[in-house]
Amino acid sequence: MRLGYMTNAFGPLVGAGAGVTSVKDIRYLTMCDDEKAMKTIREIGFKHVEVLDGNLTKYAENIDELKEIMKNADVHMMSVCIGANFIYKDALEDELAHVEEVCKAAAKVGVTYLVICGGAIRKGGIRPGDTKLLAEGLDEAKKIAKKYGLIACFHPHLGSIAERPKEIDELLSYSNIEVCPDIAHLAAGGYDPQKFIEKYYDRIALIHLKDLNSEGFAPLGKGGIDLKGIIEYVKSRGYEGDWLVEVDGYAGDAKEACKISYEYLKNNLL
């Protein structure tokens, strides 16, 4: 079992500028000092990190620089998160080219998981067949990840096709991709996270932990989700996989959120 923390809480989230005109260049990017964020996470106690795809691929032409940053911070990169539209047939080729670019760089720094969020929602809403198009794209992305020795897993996410229980279940009936349940995103979208984990337990590759309160996403133990119950359930099933804490969109101090969450895990998971 490994514990990780995501660097995306340590700066504003933006999209790479080139993605405005070229689909192949669309990616997430956290505007932060990568080394400083990693060192902060490590000093608190986490040994592993997850980054957004833009915070990985910006080092694609100089991967040794990223390796040196990780060495200086004394962390390992466990996972990388990538966004996907996957419902626009003409754009899929370029989107998958980006998936390949990410996987290629990720393999060079020892990443285990490619975490995929997404499924674009059209101006008029979700059309019949969109969920299946997303599933087909995910299956192609899974093949690419496997080629580079990575495990692709799907992360249901607010603001995407896979936000509500109906669409999530429909999607996962079409695709056999592994899942990365994000406890708070599931709860916010109306899916009881405990029920999701019970239903899809055999497909879980990685678990994203965060809490949720009336103000939004919160550090572990500072919201209303029964995290202890979820942890106890997966432990009772013999789960020996990895855990990743993500407290994105939190209005408070990022370092303090990291500390609070680590202390929670020390008392309830370790």
C-alpha atoms as a PDB file:
ATOM      1  CA  MET A   1       0.000   0.000   0.000  1.00  0.00           C
ATOM      2  CA  ARG A   2       1.271   3.420  -0.978  1.00  0.00           C
ATOM      3  CA  LEU A   3      -0.047   6.823   0.085  1.00  0.00           C
ATOM      4  CA  GLY A   4       0.158   9.773  -2.259  1.00  0.00           C
ATOM      5  CA  TYR A   5      -0.925  13.395  -2.440  1.00  0.00           C
ATOM      6  CA  MET A   6      -1.755  15.442  -5.505  1.00  0.00           C
ATOM      7  CA  THR A   7       0.202  18.601  -6.266  1.00  0.00           C
ATOM      8  CA  ASN A   8      -2.770  20.334  -7.912  1.00  0.00           C
ATOM      9  CA  ALA A   9      -3.850  21.939  -4.620  1.00  0.00           C
ATOM     10  CA  PHE A  10      -0.680  24.039  -4.541  1.00  0.00           C
ATOM     11  CA  GLY A  11      -1.601  26.495  -7.297  1.00  0.00           C
ATOM     12  CA  PRO A  12      -4.305  27.656  -9.695  1.00  0.00           C
ATOM     13  CA  LEU A  13      -5.536  25.161 -12.282  1.00  0.00           C
ATOM     14  CA  VAL A  14      -5.271  26.312 -15.889  1.00  0.00           C
ATOM     15  CA  GLY A  15      -5.228  24.793 -19.341  1.00  0.00           C
ATOM     16  CA  ALA A  16      -2.148  24.877 -21.572  1.00  0.00           C
ATOM     17  CA  GLY A  17      -2.507  27.799 -23.979  1.00  0.00           C
ATOM     18  CA  ALA A  18      -1.748  25.808 -27.120  1.00  0.00           C
ATOM     19  CA  GLY A  19      -4.857  23.726 -26.456  1.00  0.00           C
ATOM     20  CA  VAL A  20      -7.017  26.699 -27.421  1.00  0.00           C
ATOM     21  CA  THR A  21      -6.198  26.034 -31.070  1.00  0.00           C
ATOM     22  CA  SER A  22      -4.944  22.425 -31.147  1.00  0.00           C
ATOM     23  CA  VAL A  23      -6.811  19.534 -29.575  1.00  0.00           C
ATOM     24  CA  LYS A  24      -3.627  17.493 -29.293  1.00  0.00           C
ATOM     25  CA  ASP A  25      -2.230  20.140 -26.920  1.00  0.00           C
ATOM     26  CA  ILE A  26      -5.149  20.308 -24.493  1.00  0.00           C
ATOM     27  CA  ARG A  27      -4.009  19.486 -20.978  1.00  0.00           C
ATOM     28  CA  TYR A  28      -4.400  20.423 -17.336  1.00  0.00           C
ATOM     29  CA  LEU A  29      -1.650  22.444 -15.684  1.00  0.00           C
ATOM     30  CA  THR A  30      -1.196  23.473 -12.047  1.00  0.00           C
ATOM     31  CA  MET A  31       0.568  26.832 -11.783  1.00  0.00           C
ATOM     32  CA  CYS A  32       2.918  25.971  -8.957  1.00  0.00           C
ATOM     33  CA  ASP A  33       6.573  25.416  -8.173  1.00  0.00           C
ATOM     34  CA  ASP A  34       6.640  21.654  -8.749  1.00  0.00           C
ATOM     35  CA  GLU A  35       9.686  21.005  -6.586  1.00  0.00           C
ATOM     36  CA  LYS A  36       8.433  23.152  -3.712  1.00  0.00           C
ATOM     37  CA  ALA A  37       5.038  21.438  -3.773  1.00  0.00           C
ATOM     38  CA  MET A  38       6.627  17.992  -3.811  1.00  0.00           C
ATOM     39  CA  LYS A  39       8.973  18.879  -0.946  1.00  0.00           C
ATOM     40  CA  THR A  40       6.078  20.187   1.127  1.00  0.00           C
ATOM     41  CA  ILE A  41       4.096  17.010   0.540  1.00  0.00           C
ATOM     42  CA  ARG A  42       7.115  14.867   1.480  1.00  0.00           C
ATOM     43  CA  GLU A  43       7.912  16.858   4.633  1.00  0.00           C
ATOM     44  CA  ILE A  44       4.382  16.244   5.864  1.00  0.00           C
ATOM     45  CA  GLY A  45       4.789  12.501   5.385  1.00  0.00           C
ATOM     46  CA  PHE A  46       3.533  11.429   1.962  1.00  0.00           C
ATOM     47  CA  LYS A  47       6.128   9.618  -0.145  1.00  0.00           C
ATOM     48  CA  HIS A  48       4.262   9.633  -3.453  1.00  0.00           C
ATOM     49  CA  VAL A  49       2.582  12.237  -5.629  1.00  0.00           C
ATOM     50  CA  GLU A  50       0.124  12.565  -8.457  1.00  0.00           C
ATOM     51  CA  VAL A  51       0.435  15.395 -10.974  1.00  0.00           C
ATOM     52  CA  LEU A  52      -1.679  16.749 -13.786  1.00  0.00           C
ATOM     53  CA  ASP A  53      -0.623  15.877 -17.321  1.00  0.00           C
ATOM     54  CA  GLY A  54       0.672  19.374 -18.072  1.00  0.00           C
ATOM     55  CA  ASN A  55       2.962  19.244 -15.044  1.00  0.00           C
ATOM     56  CA  LEU A  56       4.478  16.099 -16.499  1.00  0.00           C
ATOM     57  CA  THR A  57       4.645  16.818 -20.221  1.00  0.00           C
ATOM     58  CA  LYS A  58       6.272  20.218 -19.766  1.00  0.00           C
ATOM     59  CA  TYR A  59       9.367  18.159 -18.925  1.00  0.00           C
ATOM     60  CA  ALA A  60       8.921  15.751 -21.849  1.00  0.00           C
ATOM     61  CA  GLU A  61      11.957  17.111 -23.688  1.00  0.00           C
ATOM     62  CA  ASN A  62      14.057  17.191 -20.521  1.00  0.00           C
ATOM     63  CA  ILE A  63      12.824  14.337 -18.393  1.00  0.00           C
ATOM     64  CA  ASP A  64      16.080  14.303 -16.418  1.00  0.00           C
ATOM     65  CA  GLU A  65      15.112  17.674 -14.947  1.00  0.00           C
ATOM     66  CA  LEU A  66      11.913  16.170 -13.580  1.00  0.00           C
ATOM     67  CA  LYS A  67      13.821  13.171 -12.221  1.00  0.00           C
ATOM     68  CA  GLU A  68      16.168  15.546 -10.425  1.00  0.00           C
ATOM     69  CA  ILE A  69      13.226  17.480  -8.955  1.00  0.00           C
ATOM     70  CA  MET A  70      11.707  14.247  -7.670  1.00  0.00           C
ATOM     71  CA  LYS A  71      15.071  13.126  -6.273  1.00  0.00           C
ATOM     72  CA  ASN A  72      15.565  16.428  -4.469  1.00  0.00           C
ATOM     73  CA  ALA A  73      12.063  16.197  -3.030  1.00  0.00           C
ATOM     74  CA  ASP A  74      12.528  12.499  -2.172  1.00  0.00           C
ATOM     75  CA  VAL A  75       9.225  11.488  -3.745  1.00  0.00           C
ATOM     76  CA  HIS A  76       8.011   8.995  -6.320  1.00  0.00           C
ATOM     77  CA  MET A  77       5.374   9.805  -8.900  1.00  0.00           C
ATOM     78  CA  MET A  78       2.574   7.294  -8.470  1.00  0.00           C
ATOM     79  CA  SER A  79       0.030   8.624 -10.945  1.00  0.00           C
ATOM     80  CA  VAL A  80      -0.763  11.278 -13.528  1.00  0.00           C
ATOM     81  CA  CYS A  81      -4.229  12.696 -14.196  1.00  0.00           C
ATOM     82  CA  ILE A  82      -5.431  13.523 -17.683  1.00  0.00           C
ATOM     83  CA  GLY A  83      -8.643  15.014 -19.042  1.00  0.00           C
ATOM     84  CA  ALA A  84     -10.525  13.698 -22.047  1.00  0.00           C
ATOM     85  CA  ASN A  85     -13.392  14.740 -24.312  1.00  0.00           C
ATOM     86  CA  PHE A  86     -13.537  11.495 -26.320  1.00  0.00           C
ATOM     87  CA  ILE A  87     -16.967  12.133 -27.878  1.00  0.00           C
ATOM     88  CA  TYR A  88     -15.841  14.060 -30.962  1.00  0.00           C
ATOM     89  CA  LYS A  89     -14.842  11.487 -33.554  1.00  0.00           C
ATOM     90  CA  ASP A  90     -12.720  13.853 -35.648  1.00  0.00           C
ATOM     91  CA  ALA A  91     -10.718  14.900 -32.575  1.00  0.00           C
ATOM     92  CA  LEU A  92     -10.189  11.458 -31.069  1.00  0.00           C
ATOM     93  CA  GLU A  93      -7.012  10.725 -33.040  1.00  0.00           C
ATOM     94  CA  ASP A  94      -5.336  13.844 -31.663  1.00  0.00           C
ATOM     95  CA  GLU A  95      -6.618  13.226 -28.143  1.00  0.00           C
ATOM     96  CA  LEU A  96      -5.156   9.734 -28.192  1.00  0.00           C
ATOM     97  CA  ALA A  97      -1.867  11.145 -29.498  1.00  0.00           C
ATOM     98  CA  HIS A  98      -1.774  13.254 -26.357  1.00  0.00           C
ATOM     99  CA  VAL A  99      -2.529  10.191 -24.235  1.00  0.00           C
ATOM    100  CA  GLU A 100       0.470   8.511 -25.838  1.00  0.00           C
ATOM    101  CA  GLU A 101       2.694  11.521 -25.154  1.00  0.00           C
ATOM    102  CA  VAL A 102       1.662  11.475 -21.495  1.00  0.00           C
ATOM    103  CA  CYS A 103       2.162   7.723 -21.132  1.00  0.00           C
ATOM    104  CA  LYS A 104       5.586   7.887 -22.764  1.00  0.00           C
ATOM    105  CA  ALA A 105       6.773  10.537 -20.315  1.00  0.00           C
ATOM    106  CA  ALA A 106       5.068   8.831 -17.370  1.00  0.00           C
ATOM    107  CA  ALA A 107       6.819   5.535 -18.050  1.00  0.00           C
ATOM    108  CA  LYS A 108      10.193   7.284 -17.894  1.00  0.00           C
ATOM    109  CA  VAL A 109       9.595   8.449 -14.321  1.00  0.00           C
ATOM    110  CA  GLY A 110       8.062   5.251 -12.986  1.00  0.00           C
ATOM    111  CA  VAL A 111       4.381   6.184 -12.925  1.00  0.00           C
ATOM    112  CA  THR A 112       1.940   3.343 -12.211  1.00  0.00           C
ATOM    113  CA  TYR A 113      -1.487   4.829 -12.992  1.00  0.00           C
ATOM    114  CA  LEU A 114      -2.969   6.936 -15.772  1.00  0.00           C
ATOM    115  CA  VAL A 115      -6.045   8.505 -14.187  1.00  0.00           C
ATOM    116  CA  ILE A 116      -8.552   9.666 -16.817  1.00  0.00           C
ATOM    117  CA  CYS A 117     -11.280  12.207 -16.068  1.00  0.00           C
ATOM    118  CA  GLY A 118     -13.825  13.358 -18.569  1.00  0.00           C
ATOM    119  CA  GLY A 119     -16.394  12.863 -21.197  1.00  0.00           C
ATOM    120  CA  ALA A 120     -17.339  16.197 -22.728  1.00  0.00           C
ATOM    121  CA  ILE A 121     -20.867  17.554 -22.372  1.00  0.00           C
ATOM    122  CA  ARG A 122     -22.174  19.270 -25.498  1.00  0.00           C
ATOM    123  CA  LYS A 123     -23.895  22.653 -25.516  1.00  0.00           C
ATOM    124  CA  GLY A 124     -27.262  20.934 -25.738  1.00  0.00           C
ATOM    125  CA  GLY A 125     -26.402  18.328 -23.125  1.00  0.00           C
ATOM    126  CA  ILE A 126     -25.534  14.649 -23.347  1.00  0.00           C
ATOM    127  CA  ARG A 127     -26.731  13.102 -26.596  1.00  0.00           C
ATOM    128  CA  PRO A 128     -27.733   9.467 -27.060  1.00  0.00           C
ATOM    129  CA  GLY A 129     -24.567   7.567 -27.880  1.00  0.00           C
ATOM    130  CA  ASP A 130     -22.141   9.988 -26.186  1.00  0.00           C
ATOM    131  CA  THR A 131     -21.545   7.685 -23.240  1.00  0.00           C
ATOM    132  CA  LYS A 132     -20.675   4.855 -25.612  1.00  0.00           C
ATOM    133  CA  LEU A 133     -18.299   7.115 -27.552  1.00  0.00           C
ATOM    134  CA  LEU A 134     -16.566   7.960 -24.282  1.00  0.00           C
ATOM    135  CA  ALA A 135     -16.298   4.272 -23.450  1.00  0.00           C
ATOM    136  CA  GLU A 136     -14.735   3.505 -26.828  1.00  0.00           C
ATOM    137  CA  GLY A 137     -12.185   6.267 -26.317  1.00  0.00           C
ATOM    138  CA  LEU A 138     -11.354   4.985 -22.856  1.00  0.00           C
ATOM    139  CA  ASP A 139     -10.753   1.491 -24.192  1.00  0.00           C
ATOM    140  CA  GLU A 140      -8.312   2.904 -26.757  1.00  0.00           C
ATOM    141  CA  ALA A 141      -6.558   4.922 -24.065  1.00  0.00           C
ATOM    142  CA  LYS A 142      -6.304   1.784 -21.948  1.00  0.00           C
ATOM    143  CA  LYS A 143      -4.489   0.009 -24.797  1.00  0.00           C
ATOM    144  CA  ILE A 144      -2.014   2.869 -25.093  1.00  0.00           C
ATOM    145  CA  ALA A 145      -1.370   2.921 -21.346  1.00  0.00           C
ATOM    146  CA  LYS A 146      -0.787  -0.826 -21.306  1.00  0.00           C
ATOM    147  CA  LYS A 147       1.782  -0.464 -24.083  1.00  0.00           C
ATOM    148  CA  TYR A 148       3.837   1.728 -21.761  1.00  0.00           C
ATOM    149  CA  GLY A 149       3.299  -0.443 -18.683  1.00  0.00           C
ATOM    150  CA  LEU A 150       0.713   1.837 -17.061  1.00  0.00           C
ATOM    151  CA  ILE A 151      -2.680   0.989 -15.584  1.00  0.00           C
ATOM    152  CA  ALA A 152      -5.405   3.222 -17.019  1.00  0.00           C
ATOM    153  CA  CYS A 153      -8.322   3.909 -14.678  1.00  0.00           C
ATOM    154  CA  PHE A 154     -11.392   6.084 -15.032  1.00  0.00           C
ATOM    155  CA  HIS A 155     -12.210   8.794 -12.485  1.00  0.00           C
ATOM    156  CA  PRO A 156     -15.894   9.883 -12.419  1.00  0.00           C
ATOM    157  CA  HIS A 157     -15.815  13.669 -12.265  1.00  0.00           C
ATOM    158  CA  LEU A 158     -18.164  16.601 -11.789  1.00  0.00           C
ATOM    159  CA  GLY A 159     -18.816  18.601 -14.934  1.00  0.00           C
ATOM    160  CA  SER A 160     -18.414  15.611 -17.233  1.00  0.00           C
ATOM    161  CA  ILE A 161     -20.602  12.904 -18.735  1.00  0.00           C
ATOM    162  CA  ALA A 162     -19.680  10.692 -15.785  1.00  0.00           C
ATOM    163  CA  GLU A 163     -21.063  12.931 -13.052  1.00  0.00           C
ATOM    164  CA  ARG A 164     -24.341  11.228 -12.090  1.00  0.00           C
ATOM    165  CA  PRO A 165     -25.030   7.581 -11.197  1.00  0.00           C
ATOM    166  CA  LYS A 166     -27.016   6.802 -14.360  1.00  0.00           C
ATOM    167  CA  GLU A 167     -24.277   7.891 -16.752  1.00  0.00           C
ATOM    168  CA  ILE A 168     -21.494   6.394 -14.636  1.00  0.00           C
ATOM    169  CA  ASP A 169     -23.165   2.984 -14.583  1.00  0.00           C
ATOM    170  CA  GLU A 170     -23.957   3.186 -18.287  1.00  0.00           C
ATOM    171  CA  LEU A 171     -20.377   4.090 -19.126  1.00  0.00           C
ATOM    172  CA  LEU A 172     -18.911   1.267 -17.058  1.00  0.00           C
ATOM    173  CA  SER A 173     -21.273  -1.207 -18.721  1.00  0.00           C
ATOM    174  CA  TYR A 174     -19.792  -0.265 -22.102  1.00  0.00           C
ATOM    175  CA  SER A 175     -16.112  -0.159 -21.090  1.00  0.00           C
ATOM    176  CA  ASN A 176     -14.055  -2.623 -19.084  1.00  0.00           C
ATOM    177  CA  ILE A 177     -11.569   0.023 -17.930  1.00  0.00           C
ATOM    178  CA  GLU A 178     -10.488  -0.088 -14.298  1.00  0.00           C
ATOM    179  CA  VAL A 179     -11.810   2.630 -11.998  1.00  0.00           C
ATOM    180  CA  CYS A 180     -10.380   5.255  -9.686  1.00  0.00           C
ATOM    181  CA  PRO A 181     -13.256   6.200  -7.395  1.00  0.00           C
ATOM    182  CA  ASP A 182     -12.965   9.760  -6.109  1.00  0.00           C
ATOM    183  CA  ILE A 183     -15.028   9.660  -2.955  1.00  0.00           C
ATOM    184  CA  ALA A 184     -16.061  13.316  -2.909  1.00  0.00           C
ATOM    185  CA  HIS A 185     -16.762  13.641  -6.647  1.00  0.00           C
ATOM    186  CA  LEU A 186     -19.034  10.602  -6.430  1.00  0.00           C
ATOM    187  CA  ALA A 187     -20.888  11.998  -3.420  1.00  0.00           C
ATOM    188  CA  ALA A 188     -21.261  15.452  -4.961  1.00  0.00           C
ATOM    189  CA  GLY A 189     -22.687  13.900  -8.127  1.00  0.00           C
ATOM    190  CA  GLY A 190     -25.306  11.959  -6.183  1.00  0.00           C
ATOM    191  CA  TYR A 191     -23.641   8.514  -6.142  1.00  0.00           C
ATOM    192  CA  ASP A 192     -23.241   6.985  -2.682  1.00  0.00           C
ATOM    193  CA  PRO A 193     -19.481   6.302  -2.707  1.00  0.00           C
ATOM    194  CA  GLN A 194     -19.845   3.241  -0.498  1.00  0.00           C
ATOM    195  CA  LYS A 195     -22.351   1.713  -2.931  1.00  0.00           C
ATOM    196  CA  PHE A 196     -20.112   2.546  -5.896  1.00  0.00           C
ATOM    197  CA  ILE A 197     -17.138   0.854  -4.259  1.00  0.00           C
ATOM    198  CA  GLU A 198     -19.194  -2.203  -3.353  1.00  0.00           C
ATOM    199  CA  LYS A 199     -20.518  -2.478  -6.915  1.00  0.00           C
ATOM    200  CA  TYR A 200     -17.204  -1.940  -8.709  1.00  0.00           C
ATOM    201  CA  TYR A 201     -14.775  -3.247  -6.101  1.00  0.00           C
ATOM    202  CA  ASP A 202     -13.206  -5.781  -8.461  1.00  0.00           C
ATOM    203  CA  ARG A 203     -12.371  -2.996 -10.932  1.00  0.00           C
ATOM    204  CA  ILE A 204     -10.711  -0.594  -8.487  1.00  0.00           C
ATOM    205  CA  ALA A 205      -7.129   0.254  -9.414  1.00  0.00           C
ATOM    206  CA  LEU A 206      -6.566   3.283  -7.177  1.00  0.00           C
ATOM    207  CA  ILE A 207      -8.685   5.255  -4.704  1.00  0.00           C
ATOM    208  CA  HIS A 208      -8.842   9.063  -4.535  1.00  0.00           C
ATOM    209  CA  LEU A 209      -9.724  10.295  -1.073  1.00  0.00           C
ATOM    210  CA  LYS A 210     -11.176  13.714  -0.308  1.00  0.00           C
ATOM    211  CA  ASP A 211     -13.964  14.976   1.921  1.00  0.00           C
ATOM    212  CA  LEU A 212     -16.973  17.161   1.139  1.00  0.00           C
ATOM    213  CA  ASN A 213     -18.818  19.773   3.165  1.00  0.00           C
ATOM    214  CA  SER A 214     -21.265  22.605   2.458  1.00  0.00           C
ATOM    215  CA  GLU A 215     -18.466  24.801   1.119  1.00  0.00           C
ATOM    216  CA  GLY A 216     -17.075  22.185  -1.276  1.00  0.00           C
ATOM    217  CA  PHE A 217     -14.129  19.799  -1.209  1.00  0.00           C
ATOM    218  CA  ALA A 218     -12.383  19.574   2.148  1.00  0.00           C
ATOM    219  CA  PRO A 219      -9.435  17.934   3.937  1.00  0.00           C
ATOM    220  CA  LEU A 220     -10.043  14.438   5.220  1.00  0.00           C
ATOM    221  CA  GLY A 221     -12.253  14.383   8.290  1.00  0.00           C
ATOM    222  CA  LYS A 222     -13.506  17.933   7.748  1.00  0.00           C
ATOM    223  CA  GLY A 223     -16.605  17.006   5.790  1.00  0.00           C
ATOM    224  CA  GLY A 224     -19.655  14.814   6.036  1.00  0.00           C
ATOM    225  CA  ILE A 225     -18.565  11.712   4.119  1.00  0.00           C
ATOM    226  CA  ASP A 226     -18.188   8.488   6.083  1.00  0.00           C
ATOM    227  CA  LEU A 227     -14.569   7.995   5.102  1.00  0.00           C
ATOM    228  CA  LYS A 228     -13.942   5.645   8.018  1.00  0.00           C
ATOM    229  CA  GLY A 229     -16.723   3.350   6.839  1.00  0.00           C
ATOM    230  CA  ILE A 230     -15.334   3.285   3.308  1.00  0.00           C
ATOM    231  CA  ILE A 231     -11.799   2.567   4.536  1.00  0.00           C
ATOM    232  CA  GLU A 232     -13.044  -0.198   6.821  1.00  0.00           C
ATOM    233  CA  TYR A 233     -15.050  -1.757   3.988  1.00  0.00           C
ATOM    234  CA  VAL A 234     -12.221  -1.924   1.467  1.00  0.00           C
ATOM    235  CA  LYS A 235      -9.838  -3.210   4.144  1.00  0.00           C
ATOM    236  CA  SER A 236     -12.376  -5.925   5.010  1.00  0.00           C
ATOM    237  CA  ARG A 237     -12.329  -6.952   1.342  1.00  0.00           C
ATOM    238  CA  GLY A 238      -8.561  -7.304   1.476  1.00  0.00           C
ATOM    239  CA  TYR A 239      -7.729  -4.190  -0.531  1.00  0.00           C
ATOM    240  CA  GLU A 240      -3.970  -3.791  -0.688  1.00  0.00           C
ATOM    241  CA  GLY A 241      -3.913  -1.156  -3.389  1.00  0.00           C
ATOM    242  CA  ASP A 242      -2.860   2.458  -3.298  1.00  0.00           C
ATOM    243  CA  TRP A 243      -4.517   5.620  -1.999  1.00  0.00           C
ATOM    244  CA  LEU A 244      -4.200   9.160  -3.308  1.00  0.00           C
ATOM    245  CA  VAL A 245      -5.407  12.214  -1.373  1.00  0.00           C
ATOM    246  CA  GLU A 246      -6.592  15.186  -3.412  1.00  0.00           C
ATOM    247  CA  VAL A 247      -7.947  18.358  -1.835  1.00  0.00           C
ATOM    248  CA  ASP A 248      -8.420  20.496  -4.922  1.00  0.00           C
ATOM    249  CA  GLY A 249     -10.655  23.550  -4.985  1.00  0.00           C
ATOM    250  CA  TYR A 250     -10.205  24.062  -1.245  1.00  0.00           C
ATOM    251  CA  ALA A 251     -10.347  27.702  -0.124  1.00  0.00           C
ATOM    252  CA  GLY A 252      -8.019  27.179   2.836  1.00  0.00           C
ATOM    253  CA  ASP A 253      -4.250  26.776   3.021  1.00  0.00           C
ATOM    254  CA  ALA A 254      -2.933  23.954   0.834  1.00  0.00           C
ATOM    255  CA  LYS A 255      -0.178  22.941   3.243  1.00  0.00           C
ATOM    256  CA  GLU A 256      -2.558  22.876   6.190  1.00  0.00           C
ATOM    257  CA  ALA A 257      -5.022  20.727   4.203  1.00  0.00           C
ATOM    258  CA  CYS A 258      -2.207  18.298   3.451  1.00  0.00           C
ATOM    259  CA  LYS A 259      -1.240  18.110   7.141  1.00  0.00           C
ATOM    260  CA  ILE A 260      -4.826  17.590   8.287  1.00  0.00           C
ATOM    261  CA  SER A 261      -5.340  14.824   5.738  1.00  0.00           C
ATOM    262  CA  TYR A 262      -2.105  13.035   6.627  1.00  0.00           C
ATOM    263  CA  GLU A 263      -2.955  13.069  10.330  1.00  0.00           C
ATOM    264  CA  TYR A 264      -6.381  11.648   9.500  1.00  0.00           C
ATOM    265  CA  LEU A 265      -4.793   8.784   7.587  1.00  0.00           C
ATOM    266  CA  LYS A 266      -2.323   8.104  10.389  1.00  0.00           C
ATOM    267  CA  ASN A 267      -5.262   7.597  12.725  1.00  0.00           C
ATOM    268  CA  ASN A 268      -7.590   5.739  10.385  1.00  0.00           C
ATOM    269  CA  LEU A 269      -5.601   3.931   7.701  1.00  0.00           C
ATOM    270  CA  LEU A 270      -1.988   3.331   8.660  1.00  0.00           C
END
